[in-house]
Amino acid sequence: QVQLVESGGGLVQPGGSLRLSCAASGILFSVYDMAWHRQAPGNERELVAAITSGDKTNYTDSVKGRFTISRDNAKNTVHLQINSLTPADTAVYYCNARHERFSAPQYWGQGTQVTVSS
């Protein structure tokens, strides 16, 4: 059974930082591309950051320079360091796993809430 479990969300003031983590089990983590998506109320889910099995990263433009995705294959974990948070970053953040060679199936975590407010 595949499980992705996110943690690290919370309430933070504008300008603050959080580190999100996603622990994966039930997959051979090292051959999966990992990603973080987010969904704000009333909006569609959007890709925020991704890291391939080969450690190539990409980010959506709105988070470049503020968010950093990384992975630890020894711990089957992917992290998202988020800095300089603004209220526009408020959303549920979801972890996603997709095999490096196959587009399906994809796996999702249950999400972790990030709220940026003063």
Protein backbone atom coordinates (compact mmCIF):
# COMPACT_ATOMS: atom_id res chain seq x y z
CA GLN A 1 0.00 0.00 0.00
CA VAL A 2 1.39 3.33 -1.06
CA GLN A 3 1.27 6.16 1.45
CA LEU A 4 2.41 9.74 1.23
CA VAL A 5 2.19 11.60 4.52
CA GLU A 6 2.75 15.35 4.59
CA SER A 7 3.68 17.36 7.65
CA GLY A 8 4.98 20.78 8.58
CA GLY A 9 2.09 23.02 7.67
CA GLY A 10 0.67 25.64 9.97
CA LEU A 11 -0.11 29.28 10.56
CA VAL A 12 2.69 31.71 9.84
CA GLN A 13 2.99 35.47 9.55
CA PRO A 14 3.82 37.15 6.23
CA GLY A 15 7.54 36.97 5.61
CA GLY A 16 7.87 33.79 7.62
CA SER A 17 9.10 30.34 6.67
CA LEU A 18 7.97 26.76 6.87
CA ARG A 19 9.48 23.43 5.96
CA LEU A 20 7.07 20.87 4.61
CA SER A 21 7.94 17.20 4.56
CA CYS A 22 6.43 14.22 2.79
CA ALA A 23 7.27 10.71 3.91
CA ALA A 24 6.66 8.00 1.35
CA SER A 25 6.14 4.29 1.87
CA GLY A 26 5.14 1.41 -0.35
CA ILE A 27 7.15 2.63 -3.35
CA LEU A 28 10.74 2.40 -4.49
CA PHE A 29 11.25 6.04 -3.69
CA SER A 30 14.48 6.53 -5.62
CA VAL A 31 12.81 5.91 -8.99
CA TYR A 32 9.92 8.29 -8.42
CA ASP A 33 9.68 11.89 -9.48
CA MET A 34 8.26 13.87 -6.58
CA ALA A 35 6.33 17.11 -6.56
CA TRP A 36 4.45 19.55 -4.39
CA HIS A 37 1.15 20.97 -5.55
CA ARG A 38 -1.14 23.38 -3.79
CA GLN A 39 -4.78 24.29 -3.89
CA ALA A 40 -6.27 27.46 -2.51
CA PRO A 41 -10.02 27.81 -1.90
CA GLY A 42 -11.84 28.36 -5.18
CA ASN A 43 -8.73 27.64 -7.23
CA GLU A 44 -7.53 24.65 -9.18
CA ARG A 45 -4.67 22.58 -7.86
CA GLU A 46 -1.38 23.86 -9.24
CA LEU A 47 2.12 22.48 -9.45
CA VAL A 48 4.47 24.38 -7.17
CA ALA A 49 7.76 22.50 -7.35
CA ALA A 50 9.05 19.20 -8.64
CA ILE A 51 12.20 17.12 -8.35
CA THR A 52 13.01 14.20 -10.58
CA SER A 53 14.59 10.93 -9.55
CA GLY A 54 17.79 12.43 -10.91
CA ASP A 55 17.49 15.55 -8.71
CA LYS A 56 16.49 17.97 -11.45
CA THR A 57 14.17 20.61 -10.06
CA ASN A 58 11.64 23.02 -11.47
CA TYR A 59 9.38 25.63 -9.93
CA THR A 60 6.35 27.61 -10.88
CA ASP A 61 7.31 31.23 -11.52
CA SER A 62 5.52 32.65 -8.49
CA VAL A 63 7.71 30.70 -6.04
CA LYS A 64 11.09 30.84 -7.74
CA GLY A 65 13.72 32.12 -5.35
CA ARG A 66 11.50 31.52 -2.33
CA PHE A 67 10.77 27.79 -2.38
CA THR A 68 13.30 24.98 -2.46
CA ILE A 69 12.44 21.34 -3.06
CA SER A 70 14.81 18.59 -2.00
CA ARG A 71 14.74 14.86 -1.48
CA ASP A 72 16.41 12.35 0.82
CA ASN A 73 16.32 8.94 -0.81
CA ALA A 74 17.76 7.29 2.29
CA LYS A 75 14.73 8.46 4.28
CA ASN A 76 12.13 8.25 1.49
CA THR A 77 11.31 11.88 2.12
CA VAL A 78 10.84 14.99 0.04
CA HIS A 79 10.94 18.46 1.57
CA LEU A 80 9.73 21.87 0.54
CA GLN A 81 11.41 24.82 2.20
CA ILE A 82 9.18 27.84 1.80
CA ASN A 83 10.45 31.31 2.64
CA SER A 84 9.18 34.87 2.41
CA LEU A 85 5.62 33.66 2.65
CA THR A 86 2.76 35.89 1.54
CA PRO A 87 -0.99 35.50 1.99
CA ALA A 88 -1.12 34.36 -1.64
CA ASP A 89 0.74 31.21 -0.57
CA THR A 90 -2.15 30.17 1.65
CA ALA A 91 -3.34 26.78 0.43
CA VAL A 92 -3.42 23.09 1.11
CA TYR A 93 -0.10 21.65 -0.04
CA TYR A 94 -0.11 18.14 -1.51
CA CYS A 95 2.73 15.74 -2.09
CA ASN A 96 2.72 13.81 -5.37
CA ALA A 97 4.69 10.80 -6.57
CA ARG A 98 5.00 9.56 -10.13
CA HIS A 99 7.29 6.85 -11.45
CA GLU A 100 10.19 8.26 -13.47
CA ARG A 101 9.14 6.27 -16.54
CA PHE A 102 5.38 5.93 -16.30
CA SER A 103 2.76 8.66 -16.06
CA ALA A 104 0.31 6.44 -14.19
CA PRO A 105 -0.51 5.66 -11.53
CA GLN A 106 0.21 8.79 -9.54
CA TYR A 107 -0.01 8.95 -5.79
CA TRP A 108 -1.14 11.80 -3.58
CA GLY A 109 -0.90 12.63 0.07
CA GLN A 110 -3.75 13.95 2.15
CA GLY A 111 -2.40 17.50 2.18
CA THR A 112 -1.13 19.90 4.79
CA GLN A 113 -2.62 23.34 5.38
CA VAL A 114 -0.43 26.42 5.10
CA THR A 115 -2.02 29.66 6.24
CA VAL A 116 -0.19 32.96 5.95
CA SER A 117 -1.82 35.68 7.98
CA SER A 118 -0.94 38.44 10.41
